[in-house]
């Protein structure tokens, strides 16, 4: 599992011009599920993200987590995170999980963030053509990958 995480002042996702998910301060997550990922992978990544200290404290140091600052998450599925560009000019997506494998794991990832960590999690629609907009804060952008890969 691979997640590109961005600290944001606001973010939203729209489908056909209609907003389907929107947050203010928090984290924008682009979530890629790889073939063979398991529940252990999604729990590891969700727990890692919930505890990451990427928000500033009173002294301006990154010492606060999304939980500490009361922020929200906008989670968008992104199979292209497993695009292979090493050959030719068209990316290959052989490492990305098929939708029937990826969708339940993506949903479980978001549910774990909600139930286990008490976070507000907005989402796009799995497999839809989405327009994502955000105001990056910092900017702060990190990549989090599951421990088993």
N, C-alpha and C. Protein backbone atom coordinates (compact mmCIF):
# COMPACT_ATOMS: atom_id res chain seq x y z
N UNK A 1 0.84 -1.17 0.00
CA UNK A 1 0.00 0.00 0.00
C UNK A 1 0.89 1.23 0.00
N UNK A 2 0.48 2.20 -0.78
CA UNK A 2 1.25 3.45 -0.89
C UNK A 2 0.28 4.62 -0.78
N UNK A 3 0.63 5.59 0.08
CA UNK A 3 -0.19 6.78 0.25
C UNK A 3 0.69 8.01 0.10
N UNK A 4 0.27 8.92 -0.77
CA UNK A 4 0.88 10.24 -0.85
C UNK A 4 0.03 11.15 0.02
N UNK A 5 0.65 11.73 1.02
CA UNK A 5 -0.02 12.53 2.03
C UNK A 5 0.39 13.98 1.86
N UNK A 6 -0.58 14.88 1.84
CA UNK A 6 -0.28 16.31 1.79
C UNK A 6 -1.02 17.01 2.92
N UNK A 7 -0.28 17.84 3.65
CA UNK A 7 -0.93 18.69 4.66
C UNK A 7 -1.61 19.82 3.92
N UNK A 8 -2.89 20.04 4.22
CA UNK A 8 -3.66 21.03 3.47
C UNK A 8 -4.39 22.00 4.38
N UNK A 9 -4.64 23.19 3.82
CA UNK A 9 -5.52 24.16 4.47
C UNK A 9 -6.96 23.88 4.11
N UNK A 10 -7.15 23.32 2.91
CA UNK A 10 -8.46 22.85 2.46
C UNK A 10 -8.27 21.96 1.25
N UNK A 11 -9.25 21.08 1.03
CA UNK A 11 -9.20 20.19 -0.13
C UNK A 11 -10.62 19.73 -0.44
N UNK A 12 -10.83 19.44 -1.72
CA UNK A 12 -12.13 18.90 -2.11
C UNK A 12 -11.99 18.02 -3.34
N UNK A 13 -12.98 17.15 -3.50
CA UNK A 13 -13.03 16.28 -4.67
C UNK A 13 -14.43 16.41 -5.27
N UNK A 14 -14.46 16.53 -6.59
CA UNK A 14 -15.73 16.69 -7.30
C UNK A 14 -15.84 15.65 -8.40
N UNK A 15 -17.08 15.27 -8.70
CA UNK A 15 -17.39 14.36 -9.79
C UNK A 15 -18.45 15.04 -10.64
N UNK A 16 -18.16 15.20 -11.92
CA UNK A 16 -19.07 15.89 -12.84
C UNK A 16 -19.49 17.26 -12.30
N UNK A 17 -18.54 17.96 -11.69
CA UNK A 17 -18.78 19.31 -11.20
C UNK A 17 -19.45 19.39 -9.83
N UNK A 18 -19.86 18.28 -9.26
CA UNK A 18 -20.52 18.27 -7.96
C UNK A 18 -19.54 17.83 -6.88
N UNK A 19 -19.41 18.62 -5.83
CA UNK A 19 -18.52 18.29 -4.71
C UNK A 19 -19.06 17.07 -3.97
N UNK A 20 -18.20 16.04 -3.81
CA UNK A 20 -18.60 14.83 -3.09
C UNK A 20 -17.83 14.65 -1.78
N UNK A 21 -16.77 15.43 -1.59
CA UNK A 21 -15.99 15.39 -0.36
C UNK A 21 -15.20 16.67 -0.19
N UNK A 22 -15.21 17.22 1.02
CA UNK A 22 -14.53 18.49 1.26
C UNK A 22 -14.07 18.57 2.70
N UNK A 23 -12.84 19.09 2.91
CA UNK A 23 -12.33 19.30 4.26
C UNK A 23 -11.68 20.68 4.35
N UNK A 24 -11.53 21.14 5.56
CA UNK A 24 -10.71 22.32 5.83
C UNK A 24 -9.34 21.79 6.25
N UNK A 25 -8.72 22.33 7.30
CA UNK A 25 -7.38 21.90 7.71
C UNK A 25 -7.32 20.40 7.92
N UNK A 26 -6.27 19.79 7.37
CA UNK A 26 -6.10 18.36 7.56
C UNK A 26 -5.13 17.75 6.59
N UNK A 27 -5.44 16.53 6.18
CA UNK A 27 -4.57 15.77 5.29
C UNK A 27 -5.33 15.30 4.06
N UNK A 28 -4.72 15.51 2.92
CA UNK A 28 -5.20 14.98 1.65
C UNK A 28 -4.42 13.69 1.40
N UNK A 29 -5.12 12.58 1.22
CA UNK A 29 -4.47 11.29 0.99
C UNK A 29 -4.81 10.76 -0.38
N UNK A 30 -3.78 10.46 -1.17
CA UNK A 30 -3.95 9.71 -2.42
C UNK A 30 -3.54 8.29 -2.09
N UNK A 31 -4.47 7.35 -2.21
CA UNK A 31 -4.31 6.00 -1.68
C UNK A 31 -4.21 4.98 -2.81
N UNK A 32 -3.08 4.28 -2.87
CA UNK A 32 -2.88 3.22 -3.85
C UNK A 32 -2.79 1.86 -3.17
N UNK A 33 -3.53 0.91 -3.68
CA UNK A 33 -3.51 -0.46 -3.16
C UNK A 33 -2.77 -1.33 -4.18
N UNK A 34 -1.83 -2.11 -3.68
CA UNK A 34 -1.00 -2.97 -4.52
C UNK A 34 -1.53 -4.41 -4.47
N UNK A 35 -1.31 -5.15 -5.53
CA UNK A 35 -1.66 -6.58 -5.52
C UNK A 35 -1.05 -7.23 -4.29
N UNK A 36 -1.84 -8.03 -3.61
CA UNK A 36 -1.34 -8.76 -2.45
C UNK A 36 -1.41 -8.00 -1.14
N UNK A 37 -1.83 -6.73 -1.16
CA UNK A 37 -1.98 -6.01 0.10
C UNK A 37 -3.06 -6.70 0.94
N UNK A 38 -2.90 -6.58 2.25
CA UNK A 38 -3.81 -7.25 3.19
C UNK A 38 -4.33 -6.25 4.22
N UNK A 39 -5.19 -6.74 5.09
CA UNK A 39 -5.70 -5.92 6.19
C UNK A 39 -4.55 -5.42 7.07
N UNK A 40 -3.51 -6.21 7.23
CA UNK A 40 -2.35 -5.76 8.02
C UNK A 40 -1.70 -4.53 7.40
N UNK A 41 -1.63 -4.49 6.08
CA UNK A 41 -1.04 -3.34 5.39
C UNK A 41 -1.87 -2.08 5.64
N UNK A 42 -3.18 -2.19 5.50
CA UNK A 42 -4.00 -0.99 5.66
C UNK A 42 -4.01 -0.50 7.10
N UNK A 43 -3.98 -1.42 8.05
CA UNK A 43 -3.94 -1.02 9.46
C UNK A 43 -2.62 -0.33 9.77
N UNK A 44 -1.53 -0.89 9.29
CA UNK A 44 -0.21 -0.28 9.53
C UNK A 44 -0.17 1.15 8.98
N UNK A 45 -0.59 1.32 7.73
CA UNK A 45 -0.52 2.65 7.10
C UNK A 45 -1.49 3.62 7.78
N UNK A 46 -2.70 3.19 8.07
CA UNK A 46 -3.67 4.06 8.74
C UNK A 46 -3.15 4.51 10.10
N UNK A 47 -2.61 3.58 10.88
CA UNK A 47 -2.07 3.93 12.20
C UNK A 47 -0.89 4.88 12.08
N UNK A 48 -0.03 4.65 11.09
CA UNK A 48 1.13 5.51 10.86
C UNK A 48 0.66 6.94 10.55
N UNK A 49 -0.30 7.06 9.64
CA UNK A 49 -0.79 8.38 9.24
C UNK A 49 -1.46 9.10 10.41
N UNK A 50 -2.27 8.38 11.16
CA UNK A 50 -2.97 9.00 12.30
C UNK A 50 -1.99 9.57 13.33
N UNK A 51 -0.85 8.93 13.47
CA UNK A 51 0.12 9.36 14.48
C UNK A 51 1.23 10.27 13.99
N UNK A 52 1.32 10.48 12.67
CA UNK A 52 2.40 11.32 12.14
C UNK A 52 2.30 12.74 12.67
N UNK A 53 3.41 13.25 13.16
CA UNK A 53 3.44 14.62 13.68
C UNK A 53 3.88 15.56 12.57
N UNK A 54 2.91 16.04 11.81
CA UNK A 54 3.20 16.90 10.66
C UNK A 54 2.54 18.28 10.78
N UNK A 55 1.89 18.53 11.92
CA UNK A 55 1.27 19.83 12.15
C UNK A 55 2.08 20.57 13.22
N UNK A 56 2.16 21.87 13.06
CA UNK A 56 3.01 22.69 13.93
C UNK A 56 2.37 22.93 15.30
N UNK A 57 3.25 22.97 16.31
CA UNK A 57 2.82 23.34 17.65
C UNK A 57 2.99 24.86 17.82
N UNK A 58 2.83 25.34 19.03
CA UNK A 58 2.94 26.78 19.30
C UNK A 58 4.32 27.33 18.97
N UNK A 59 5.34 26.49 19.02
CA UNK A 59 6.70 26.90 18.72
C UNK A 59 7.09 26.78 17.25
N UNK A 60 6.14 26.39 16.41
CA UNK A 60 6.41 26.28 14.99
C UNK A 60 7.07 24.98 14.57
N UNK A 61 7.16 24.01 15.49
CA UNK A 61 7.77 22.70 15.17
C UNK A 61 6.68 21.70 14.84
N UNK A 62 6.98 20.79 13.93
CA UNK A 62 6.01 19.75 13.58
C UNK A 62 5.97 18.71 14.70
N UNK A 63 5.09 18.95 15.66
CA UNK A 63 4.95 18.09 16.84
C UNK A 63 3.55 17.58 17.07
N UNK A 64 2.60 17.95 16.19
CA UNK A 64 1.21 17.58 16.41
C UNK A 64 0.71 16.67 15.28
N UNK A 65 -0.09 15.70 15.65
CA UNK A 65 -0.70 14.78 14.67
C UNK A 65 -2.04 15.34 14.22
N UNK A 66 -2.62 14.69 13.24
CA UNK A 66 -3.96 15.05 12.76
C UNK A 66 -4.97 14.94 13.90
N UNK A 67 -4.77 13.97 14.77
CA UNK A 67 -5.66 13.80 15.93
C UNK A 67 -5.49 14.97 16.88
N UNK A 68 -4.23 15.34 17.16
CA UNK A 68 -3.95 16.44 18.10
C UNK A 68 -4.56 17.76 17.65
N UNK A 69 -4.55 18.02 16.35
CA UNK A 69 -5.00 19.33 15.87
C UNK A 69 -6.47 19.33 15.46
N UNK A 70 -7.14 18.18 15.55
CA UNK A 70 -8.56 18.12 15.23
C UNK A 70 -8.86 18.28 13.75
N UNK A 71 -7.90 17.95 12.90
CA UNK A 71 -8.09 18.07 11.46
C UNK A 71 -8.88 16.91 10.88
N UNK A 72 -9.18 17.01 9.60
CA UNK A 72 -9.93 15.99 8.89
C UNK A 72 -9.08 15.41 7.76
N UNK A 73 -9.58 14.35 7.16
CA UNK A 73 -8.87 13.68 6.07
C UNK A 73 -9.77 13.65 4.84
N UNK A 74 -9.18 13.91 3.69
CA UNK A 74 -9.83 13.67 2.40
C UNK A 74 -9.03 12.55 1.74
N UNK A 75 -9.66 11.40 1.56
CA UNK A 75 -9.01 10.20 1.04
C UNK A 75 -9.55 9.91 -0.36
N UNK A 76 -8.62 9.80 -1.33
CA UNK A 76 -9.01 9.55 -2.72
C UNK A 76 -8.22 8.35 -3.23
N UNK A 77 -8.94 7.37 -3.79
CA UNK A 77 -8.26 6.19 -4.34
C UNK A 77 -7.46 6.61 -5.57
N UNK A 78 -6.27 6.00 -5.74
CA UNK A 78 -5.35 6.44 -6.79
C UNK A 78 -4.49 5.26 -7.25
N UNK A 79 -5.05 4.42 -8.13
CA UNK A 79 -4.31 3.24 -8.58
C UNK A 79 -3.04 3.62 -9.34
N UNK A 80 -2.97 4.83 -9.89
CA UNK A 80 -1.80 5.24 -10.67
C UNK A 80 -0.55 5.39 -9.82
N UNK A 81 -0.68 5.33 -8.50
CA UNK A 81 0.51 5.36 -7.64
C UNK A 81 1.40 4.14 -7.88
N UNK A 82 0.82 3.11 -8.48
CA UNK A 82 1.61 1.92 -8.81
C UNK A 82 1.90 1.84 -10.31
N UNK A 83 1.93 2.98 -10.96
CA UNK A 83 2.29 3.03 -12.37
C UNK A 83 3.79 2.80 -12.55
N UNK A 84 4.14 1.94 -13.47
CA UNK A 84 5.54 1.64 -13.77
C UNK A 84 5.92 2.39 -15.06
N UNK A 85 6.88 3.31 -14.95
CA UNK A 85 7.31 4.11 -16.10
C UNK A 85 8.70 3.71 -16.58
N UNK A 86 9.17 2.54 -16.18
CA UNK A 86 10.55 2.15 -16.50
C UNK A 86 10.72 1.70 -17.95
N UNK A 87 9.66 1.34 -18.62
CA UNK A 87 9.76 0.88 -20.00
C UNK A 87 8.81 1.68 -20.89
N UNK A 88 9.31 2.15 -22.01
CA UNK A 88 8.46 2.86 -22.96
C UNK A 88 7.95 4.18 -22.44
N UNK A 89 6.87 4.64 -23.04
CA UNK A 89 6.31 5.95 -22.70
C UNK A 89 4.93 5.87 -22.07
N UNK A 90 4.35 4.69 -22.07
CA UNK A 90 3.04 4.52 -21.45
C UNK A 90 3.22 3.74 -20.15
N UNK A 91 2.73 4.28 -19.04
CA UNK A 91 2.90 3.57 -17.77
C UNK A 91 2.14 2.24 -17.77
N UNK A 92 2.72 1.27 -17.08
CA UNK A 92 2.06 -0.01 -16.88
C UNK A 92 1.54 -0.07 -15.44
N UNK A 93 0.43 -0.74 -15.25
CA UNK A 93 -0.20 -0.76 -13.92
C UNK A 93 -0.34 -2.18 -13.39
N UNK A 94 0.59 -3.04 -13.74
CA UNK A 94 0.52 -4.45 -13.37
C UNK A 94 0.60 -4.66 -11.85
N UNK A 95 1.25 -3.74 -11.12
CA UNK A 95 1.39 -3.88 -9.67
C UNK A 95 0.16 -3.41 -8.90
N UNK A 96 -0.68 -2.60 -9.54
CA UNK A 96 -1.89 -2.10 -8.88
C UNK A 96 -2.89 -3.23 -8.71
N UNK A 97 -3.54 -3.25 -7.57
CA UNK A 97 -4.57 -4.28 -7.32
C UNK A 97 -5.77 -4.05 -8.23
N UNK A 98 -6.40 -5.13 -8.64
CA UNK A 98 -7.63 -5.05 -9.42
C UNK A 98 -8.72 -4.41 -8.55
N UNK A 99 -9.69 -3.75 -9.15
CA UNK A 99 -10.74 -3.07 -8.37
C UNK A 99 -11.44 -3.97 -7.35
N UNK A 100 -11.72 -5.22 -7.71
CA UNK A 100 -12.42 -6.10 -6.78
C UNK A 100 -11.57 -6.43 -5.54
N UNK A 101 -10.26 -6.32 -5.64
CA UNK A 101 -9.37 -6.51 -4.49
C UNK A 101 -9.13 -5.19 -3.78
N UNK A 102 -8.97 -4.12 -4.54
CA UNK A 102 -8.58 -2.82 -3.97
C UNK A 102 -9.73 -2.12 -3.25
N UNK A 103 -10.92 -2.15 -3.80
CA UNK A 103 -12.03 -1.38 -3.23
C UNK A 103 -12.32 -1.75 -1.78
N UNK A 104 -12.46 -3.05 -1.43
CA UNK A 104 -12.73 -3.38 -0.02
C UNK A 104 -11.60 -2.94 0.92
N UNK A 105 -10.35 -3.02 0.44
CA UNK A 105 -9.22 -2.59 1.28
C UNK A 105 -9.22 -1.08 1.45
N UNK A 106 -9.52 -0.35 0.39
CA UNK A 106 -9.61 1.11 0.47
C UNK A 106 -10.72 1.51 1.45
N UNK A 107 -11.86 0.87 1.36
CA UNK A 107 -12.96 1.18 2.27
C UNK A 107 -12.60 0.83 3.72
N UNK A 108 -11.93 -0.29 3.93
CA UNK A 108 -11.51 -0.69 5.27
C UNK A 108 -10.49 0.28 5.84
N UNK A 109 -9.59 0.79 4.99
CA UNK A 109 -8.60 1.79 5.41
C UNK A 109 -9.30 3.03 5.95
N UNK A 110 -10.27 3.54 5.20
CA UNK A 110 -10.99 4.74 5.63
C UNK A 110 -11.79 4.47 6.90
N UNK A 111 -12.41 3.31 6.98
CA UNK A 111 -13.18 2.95 8.17
C UNK A 111 -12.29 2.81 9.39
N UNK A 112 -11.09 2.29 9.22
CA UNK A 112 -10.15 2.16 10.34
C UNK A 112 -9.77 3.55 10.87
N UNK A 113 -9.52 4.48 9.98
CA UNK A 113 -9.21 5.85 10.41
C UNK A 113 -10.37 6.45 11.19
N UNK A 114 -11.58 6.17 10.76
CA UNK A 114 -12.77 6.72 11.44
C UNK A 114 -12.98 6.06 12.81
N UNK A 115 -13.04 4.73 12.80
CA UNK A 115 -13.43 4.01 14.02
C UNK A 115 -12.29 3.90 15.04
N UNK A 116 -11.11 3.57 14.58
CA UNK A 116 -9.99 3.36 15.50
C UNK A 116 -9.41 4.67 16.01
N UNK A 117 -9.44 5.71 15.16
CA UNK A 117 -8.77 6.96 15.52
C UNK A 117 -9.73 8.13 15.68
N UNK A 118 -11.02 7.93 15.42
CA UNK A 118 -12.01 8.97 15.61
C UNK A 118 -11.89 10.14 14.65
N UNK A 119 -11.31 9.90 13.48
CA UNK A 119 -11.08 10.97 12.51
C UNK A 119 -12.27 11.14 11.57
N UNK A 120 -12.49 12.38 11.15
CA UNK A 120 -13.44 12.66 10.09
C UNK A 120 -12.75 12.35 8.78
N UNK A 121 -13.34 11.47 7.98
CA UNK A 121 -12.75 11.07 6.70
C UNK A 121 -13.78 11.27 5.60
N UNK A 122 -13.47 12.19 4.70
CA UNK A 122 -14.27 12.39 3.50
C UNK A 122 -13.58 11.62 2.37
N UNK A 123 -14.36 11.21 1.37
CA UNK A 123 -13.77 10.45 0.27
C UNK A 123 -14.36 10.90 -1.07
N UNK A 124 -13.66 10.47 -2.11
CA UNK A 124 -14.23 10.53 -3.45
C UNK A 124 -15.02 9.25 -3.66
N UNK A 125 -15.25 8.87 -4.91
CA UNK A 125 -15.91 7.62 -5.24
C UNK A 125 -14.91 6.71 -5.93
N UNK A 126 -14.72 5.53 -5.39
CA UNK A 126 -13.75 4.59 -5.91
C UNK A 126 -14.00 4.35 -7.40
N UNK A 127 -12.95 4.51 -8.20
CA UNK A 127 -13.00 4.23 -9.63
C UNK A 127 -13.60 5.32 -10.49
N UNK A 128 -14.07 6.40 -9.88
CA UNK A 128 -14.69 7.48 -10.65
C UNK A 128 -13.62 8.41 -11.21
N UNK A 129 -13.99 9.17 -12.23
CA UNK A 129 -13.14 10.23 -12.76
C UNK A 129 -13.39 11.45 -11.88
N UNK A 130 -12.40 11.85 -11.11
CA UNK A 130 -12.58 12.88 -10.09
C UNK A 130 -11.69 14.08 -10.37
N UNK A 131 -12.16 15.24 -9.95
CA UNK A 131 -11.36 16.47 -9.99
C UNK A 131 -11.02 16.82 -8.54
N UNK A 132 -9.74 16.83 -8.23
CA UNK A 132 -9.27 17.09 -6.87
C UNK A 132 -8.62 18.47 -6.84
N UNK A 133 -8.99 19.26 -5.85
CA UNK A 133 -8.33 20.56 -5.67
C UNK A 133 -7.95 20.70 -4.21
N UNK A 134 -6.85 21.42 -3.99
CA UNK A 134 -6.38 21.59 -2.62
C UNK A 134 -5.51 22.83 -2.50
N UNK A 135 -5.38 23.29 -1.27
CA UNK A 135 -4.42 24.33 -0.93
C UNK A 135 -3.43 23.66 0.00
N UNK A 136 -2.23 23.39 -0.53
CA UNK A 136 -1.19 22.72 0.24
C UNK A 136 -0.71 23.65 1.32
N UNK A 137 -0.43 23.11 2.50
CA UNK A 137 0.01 23.90 3.65
C UNK A 137 1.47 23.56 3.94
N UNK A 138 2.34 24.46 3.65
CA UNK A 138 3.76 24.27 3.94
C UNK A 138 4.66 24.61 2.77
N UNK A 139 4.71 23.83 1.74
CA UNK A 139 4.02 22.56 1.55
C UNK A 139 4.67 21.42 2.33
N UNK A 140 3.83 20.50 2.75
CA UNK A 140 4.29 19.27 3.39
C UNK A 140 3.70 18.12 2.60
N UNK A 141 4.55 17.30 2.01
CA UNK A 141 4.13 16.14 1.22
C UNK A 141 5.03 14.97 1.59
N UNK A 142 4.40 13.85 1.96
CA UNK A 142 5.15 12.65 2.36
C UNK A 142 4.57 11.44 1.66
N UNK A 143 5.36 10.39 1.57
CA UNK A 143 4.89 9.10 1.06
C UNK A 143 4.98 8.10 2.21
N UNK A 144 3.87 7.39 2.44
CA UNK A 144 3.82 6.36 3.48
C UNK A 144 3.52 5.04 2.78
N UNK A 145 4.34 4.02 3.06
CA UNK A 145 4.14 2.70 2.45
C UNK A 145 4.02 1.65 3.52
N UNK A 146 3.31 0.57 3.18
CA UNK A 146 3.11 -0.49 4.16
C UNK A 146 4.42 -1.19 4.48
N UNK A 147 4.46 -1.71 5.67
CA UNK A 147 5.68 -2.33 6.20
C UNK A 147 6.10 -3.59 5.45
N UNK A 148 5.16 -4.23 4.77
CA UNK A 148 5.46 -5.52 4.13
C UNK A 148 6.01 -5.38 2.72
N UNK A 149 6.19 -4.18 2.22
CA UNK A 149 6.60 -4.01 0.82
C UNK A 149 7.98 -3.41 0.74
